[in-house]
Protein backbone atom coordinates (compact mmCIF):
# COMPACT_ATOMS: atom_id res chain seq x y z
CA UNK A 1 3.74 38.29 11.55
CA UNK A 2 2.65 39.22 8.02
CA UNK A 3 3.95 37.08 5.21
CA UNK A 4 4.18 37.85 1.53
CA UNK A 5 1.02 35.84 0.84
CA UNK A 6 -0.93 38.42 2.88
CA UNK A 7 -0.19 41.08 0.28
CA UNK A 8 -2.84 41.64 -2.39
CA UNK A 9 -1.90 40.66 -5.93
CA UNK A 10 -2.60 44.15 -7.23
CA UNK A 11 -3.22 47.62 -5.81
CA UNK A 12 -4.54 50.71 -7.54
CA UNK A 13 -4.11 54.14 -5.93
CA UNK A 14 -6.62 56.76 -7.04
CA UNK A 15 -7.08 60.49 -6.59
CA UNK A 16 -8.53 63.31 -8.65
CA UNK A 17 -5.80 63.95 -11.26
CA UNK A 18 -3.15 61.22 -10.80
CA UNK A 19 -0.36 63.77 -10.65
CA UNK A 20 0.43 64.06 -6.92
CA UNK A 21 -1.03 61.74 -4.25
CA UNK A 22 -1.69 58.62 -6.29
CA UNK A 23 1.56 59.04 -8.25
CA UNK A 24 3.53 59.34 -5.00
CA UNK A 25 1.70 56.38 -3.45
CA UNK A 26 2.38 54.23 -6.52
CA UNK A 27 6.12 54.96 -6.32
CA UNK A 28 6.25 54.40 -2.56
CA UNK A 29 4.40 51.08 -2.79
CA UNK A 30 6.65 49.86 -5.62
CA UNK A 31 9.68 50.84 -3.54
CA UNK A 32 8.40 48.96 -0.49
CA UNK A 33 7.12 45.75 -2.10
CA UNK A 34 9.05 45.59 -5.36
CA UNK A 35 7.57 43.20 -7.88
CA UNK A 36 5.64 41.16 -5.31
CA UNK A 37 2.51 43.25 -5.99
CA UNK A 38 1.29 44.83 -9.23
CA UNK A 39 0.88 48.55 -8.45
CA UNK A 40 -0.74 51.24 -10.57
CA UNK A 41 -2.48 54.58 -10.13
CA UNK A 42 -5.23 56.56 -11.79
CA UNK A 43 -7.23 59.74 -11.52
CA UNK A 44 -10.82 60.75 -12.07
CA UNK A 45 -9.90 63.41 -14.63
CA UNK A 46 -6.71 64.54 -16.30
CA UNK A 47 -5.18 67.98 -16.14
CA UNK A 48 -1.72 67.69 -17.63
CA UNK A 49 0.15 64.55 -18.59
CA UNK A 50 2.77 64.04 -15.91
CA UNK A 51 3.62 64.31 -12.26
CA UNK A 52 3.37 67.67 -10.51
CA UNK A 53 6.84 69.32 -10.32
CA UNK A 54 6.64 69.76 -6.53
CA UNK A 55 5.73 66.06 -6.18
CA UNK A 56 8.72 65.14 -8.35
CA UNK A 57 11.01 67.27 -6.14
CA UNK A 58 9.91 65.85 -2.79
CA UNK A 59 10.02 62.28 -4.08
CA UNK A 60 13.56 62.84 -5.35
CA UNK A 61 14.47 63.93 -1.82
CA UNK A 62 13.86 60.34 -0.65
CA UNK A 63 15.43 58.73 -3.72
CA UNK A 64 12.25 57.93 -5.65
CA UNK A 65 11.85 59.15 -9.22
CA UNK A 66 8.38 59.95 -10.57
CA UNK A 67 9.56 62.32 -13.30
CA UNK A 68 8.50 59.83 -15.98
CA UNK A 69 5.04 59.26 -14.49
CA UNK A 70 2.27 59.50 -17.08
CA UNK A 71 -1.13 60.45 -15.73
CA UNK A 72 -4.14 58.31 -16.59
CA UNK A 73 -7.79 57.87 -15.69
CA UNK A 74 -9.70 54.75 -14.72
CA UNK A 75 -10.70 54.44 -18.39
CA UNK A 76 -7.02 54.30 -19.41
CA UNK A 77 -6.12 51.38 -17.15
CA UNK A 78 -4.54 48.52 -19.10
CA UNK A 79 -6.05 45.90 -16.77
CA UNK A 80 -9.27 46.05 -14.77
CA UNK A 81 -8.51 43.04 -12.59
CA UNK A 82 -7.53 44.78 -9.38
CA UNK A 83 -7.61 43.30 -5.86
CA UNK A 84 -7.59 46.58 -3.92
CA UNK A 85 -8.25 50.21 -4.77
CA UNK A 86 -7.11 52.85 -2.29
CA UNK A 87 -8.67 56.26 -2.85
CA UNK A 88 -7.61 59.63 -1.47
CA UNK A 89 -10.56 61.87 -2.39
CA UNK A 90 -14.36 61.64 -2.32
CA UNK A 91 -14.45 61.89 -6.13
CA UNK A 92 -11.98 59.03 -6.51
CA UNK A 93 -13.91 56.98 -3.94
CA UNK A 94 -17.12 57.49 -5.92
CA UNK A 95 -15.39 56.51 -9.20
CA UNK A 96 -13.82 53.45 -7.57
CA UNK A 97 -17.23 52.27 -6.35
CA UNK A 98 -18.61 52.63 -9.89
CA UNK A 99 -15.55 50.84 -11.29
CA UNK A 100 -15.98 47.87 -8.93
CA UNK A 101 -19.68 47.27 -9.58
CA UNK A 102 -18.85 44.44 -11.97
CA UNK A 103 -15.55 43.18 -10.53
CA UNK A 104 -14.70 41.66 -7.14
CA UNK A 105 -12.43 44.24 -5.56
CA UNK A 106 -11.93 45.81 -2.14
CA UNK A 107 -11.95 49.60 -1.86
CA UNK A 108 -10.39 51.59 0.99
CA UNK A 109 -10.78 55.33 1.49
CA UNK A 110 -7.78 57.18 2.93
CA UNK A 111 -8.69 60.88 3.01
CA UNK A 112 -5.47 62.70 2.19
CA UNK A 113 -4.74 66.43 2.07
CA UNK A 114 -4.20 67.88 -1.40
CA UNK A 115 -0.85 69.67 -1.03
CA UNK A 116 -1.43 71.81 -4.14
CA UNK A 117 -4.12 73.67 -2.18
CA UNK A 118 -1.41 75.18 0.04
CA UNK A 119 -0.36 78.61 -1.17
CA UNK A 120 2.53 80.81 -0.23
CA UNK A 121 6.28 80.73 -0.62
CA UNK A 122 7.95 77.82 -2.41
CA UNK A 123 9.29 76.33 0.83
CA UNK A 124 5.85 76.37 2.48
CA UNK A 125 4.39 74.61 -0.54
CA UNK A 126 7.19 72.05 -0.61
CA UNK A 127 6.62 71.37 3.08
CA UNK A 128 2.96 70.55 2.36
CA UNK A 129 4.06 68.08 -0.31
CA UNK A 130 6.58 66.54 2.11
CA UNK A 131 3.88 66.11 4.74
CA UNK A 132 1.64 64.36 2.23
CA UNK A 133 4.51 62.17 1.00
CA UNK A 134 5.50 61.19 4.54
CA UNK A 135 1.90 60.49 5.57
CA UNK A 136 1.43 58.26 2.53
CA UNK A 137 4.73 56.48 3.18
CA UNK A 138 3.80 55.70 6.79
CA UNK A 139 0.25 54.63 5.93
CA UNK A 140 1.41 52.32 3.13
CA UNK A 141 4.15 50.85 5.33
CA UNK A 142 1.60 50.16 8.09
CA UNK A 143 -1.04 48.73 5.74
CA UNK A 144 1.37 46.50 3.79
CA UNK A 145 4.04 45.33 6.23
CA UNK A 146 6.88 43.58 4.47
CA UNK A 147 9.58 41.36 5.81
CA UNK A 148 12.56 41.01 3.54
CA UNK A 149 13.29 37.46 4.64
CA UNK A 150 10.07 36.37 2.88
CA UNK A 151 10.94 38.14 -0.37
């Protein structure tokens, strides 16, 4: 049985642009653990300033709002004391390893499909985003089991 004390104090999700995968993961983690864990996200580089519109749509489908998400890079992080960084791309993994050279922090690599690479009709693209969202949701739920009676 996993208790609240088994959760890290802080988690950073990282991908290439912080507009899809890491933004979705941040919202999912906050939904699952509430304020018991400090959760943030970052990207390696910025293209745009907010969440991808398809990501916003599929997150709204499950009642999570990322419309106000502001993208940021590792350099923009307000706090560098992080217990765990979870990366979704090789570039983010590389940046996380550089970032943790001087701080004690665990890094996990979860290779995750980039749904924006899927082309075609709107519904096919949305389905790719849903698959990514659902995969992240299940992986986060499995990695950070919570039990409400310990909250």
